[in-house]
């Protein structure tokens, strides 16, 4: 397999992979405050969180002040619920389903210790 065929095979593999999204909770372990983060790409959000912790950059502007005050190590990212994209589901429908899940989680967790609420 030459380089062109290998790239094509990798691209097809990427397109055919299962798409998993979900609702995540970014939690400040020092204060107990949390931020719900719906994500259409669960692994992408996990990777971004790990990178932001390594570079000491806040994952969200909503937590920036506490991130600087308490440090990146006081934040955890917890997956509350994952959702797999259905075969015939559009990207838009998938994102809407994740938003609905996030609202359900917001109701469960309440807004008392939230950095912000979902619109």
Protein backbone atom coordinates (compact mmCIF):
# COMPACT_ATOMS: atom_id res chain seq x y z
CA UNK A 1 0.00 0.00 0.00
CA UNK A 2 1.50 3.31 -1.04
CA UNK A 3 1.16 6.58 0.88
CA UNK A 4 -1.88 7.78 -1.07
CA UNK A 5 -3.82 4.54 -0.51
CA UNK A 6 -2.89 4.53 3.17
CA UNK A 7 -4.15 8.11 3.62
CA UNK A 8 -7.38 7.21 1.82
CA UNK A 9 -7.85 4.15 4.02
CA UNK A 10 -7.23 6.20 7.18
CA UNK A 11 -9.67 8.89 6.02
CA UNK A 12 -12.36 6.27 5.36
CA UNK A 13 -11.73 4.67 8.73
CA UNK A 14 -12.11 8.07 10.42
CA UNK A 15 -15.40 8.78 8.61
CA UNK A 16 -16.81 5.35 9.50
CA UNK A 17 -15.90 5.41 13.19
CA UNK A 18 -18.66 5.47 15.78
CA UNK A 19 -19.47 9.00 16.84
CA UNK A 20 -19.96 9.32 20.58
CA UNK A 21 -20.99 12.49 22.32
CA UNK A 22 -22.20 13.18 25.79
CA UNK A 23 -22.72 15.42 28.73
CA UNK A 24 -19.70 16.23 30.87
CA UNK A 25 -19.29 17.98 34.18
CA UNK A 26 -16.25 20.19 34.69
CA UNK A 27 -15.97 20.32 38.47
CA UNK A 28 -13.86 22.50 40.72
CA UNK A 29 -12.91 20.17 43.58
CA UNK A 30 -11.89 23.13 45.74
CA UNK A 31 -15.21 24.98 45.63
CA UNK A 32 -17.65 22.31 44.48
CA UNK A 33 -18.82 24.47 41.60
CA UNK A 34 -19.52 22.79 38.28
CA UNK A 35 -20.04 23.55 34.61
CA UNK A 36 -22.08 21.27 32.37
CA UNK A 37 -20.47 20.74 29.01
CA UNK A 38 -22.45 19.04 26.25
CA UNK A 39 -20.16 17.69 23.53
CA UNK A 40 -20.84 16.02 20.19
CA UNK A 41 -17.30 14.60 20.28
CA UNK A 42 -16.67 13.03 23.68
CA UNK A 43 -13.08 12.01 23.00
CA UNK A 44 -12.29 15.44 21.59
CA UNK A 45 -13.47 17.14 24.79
CA UNK A 46 -11.45 14.71 26.92
CA UNK A 47 -8.35 15.41 24.83
CA UNK A 48 -8.92 19.18 25.02
CA UNK A 49 -9.30 19.01 28.81
CA UNK A 50 -6.04 17.05 29.15
CA UNK A 51 -4.25 19.57 26.93
CA UNK A 52 -5.65 22.54 28.85
CA UNK A 53 -4.53 21.03 32.14
CA UNK A 54 -1.01 20.45 30.78
CA UNK A 55 -0.78 24.02 29.49
CA UNK A 56 -2.60 25.51 32.50
CA UNK A 57 -5.17 27.19 30.24
CA UNK A 58 -8.82 27.30 31.30
CA UNK A 59 -11.11 24.98 29.36
CA UNK A 60 -13.87 27.60 29.45
CA UNK A 61 -13.93 31.34 30.05
CA UNK A 62 -16.68 30.75 32.62
CA UNK A 63 -14.17 29.03 34.94
CA UNK A 64 -11.12 31.14 34.05
CA UNK A 65 -11.01 33.11 37.29
CA UNK A 66 -11.14 29.99 39.49
CA UNK A 67 -8.74 28.17 37.14
CA UNK A 68 -6.14 30.89 37.70
CA UNK A 69 -6.92 31.16 41.43
CA UNK A 70 -6.94 27.47 42.36
CA UNK A 71 -4.96 25.95 39.48
CA UNK A 72 -5.71 23.43 36.76
CA UNK A 73 -5.25 20.49 39.14
CA UNK A 74 -8.38 21.39 41.10
CA UNK A 75 -10.59 20.72 38.07
CA UNK A 76 -11.89 17.32 36.99
CA UNK A 77 -13.87 16.34 33.91
CA UNK A 78 -16.50 13.71 34.55
CA UNK A 79 -18.60 12.05 31.87
CA UNK A 80 -22.18 12.07 33.15
CA UNK A 81 -23.73 10.31 30.17
CA UNK A 82 -22.60 9.24 26.71
CA UNK A 83 -24.73 9.00 23.61
CA UNK A 84 -23.85 7.20 20.39
CA UNK A 85 -24.92 8.81 17.14
CA UNK A 86 -27.46 6.72 15.26
CA UNK A 87 -26.64 5.64 11.74
CA UNK A 88 -29.37 7.73 10.05
CA UNK A 89 -29.16 10.67 12.45
CA UNK A 90 -27.89 14.00 11.14
CA UNK A 91 -25.16 15.90 12.99
CA UNK A 92 -27.71 18.56 13.89
CA UNK A 93 -30.16 16.00 15.34
CA UNK A 94 -27.31 14.43 17.29
CA UNK A 95 -26.30 17.79 18.80
CA UNK A 96 -29.94 18.53 19.68
CA UNK A 97 -30.23 15.17 21.49
CA UNK A 98 -27.10 15.98 23.48
CA UNK A 99 -28.52 19.41 24.39
CA UNK A 100 -31.70 17.74 25.69
CA UNK A 101 -29.57 15.38 27.80
CA UNK A 102 -27.64 18.36 29.15
CA UNK A 103 -30.87 20.08 30.21
CA UNK A 104 -31.96 16.91 32.02
CA UNK A 105 -28.62 16.83 33.84
CA UNK A 106 -28.95 20.51 34.69
CA UNK A 107 -32.29 19.73 36.33
CA UNK A 108 -30.72 16.85 38.27
CA UNK A 109 -27.69 18.78 39.48
CA UNK A 110 -29.42 22.09 40.00
CA UNK A 111 -28.00 25.51 39.34
CA UNK A 112 -26.97 26.46 42.88
CA UNK A 113 -23.27 25.60 42.45
CA UNK A 114 -23.15 25.99 38.68
CA UNK A 115 -20.75 28.39 36.98
CA UNK A 116 -23.53 29.11 34.50
CA UNK A 117 -26.69 27.55 33.17
CA UNK A 118 -27.49 26.24 29.73
CA UNK A 119 -29.48 28.56 27.49
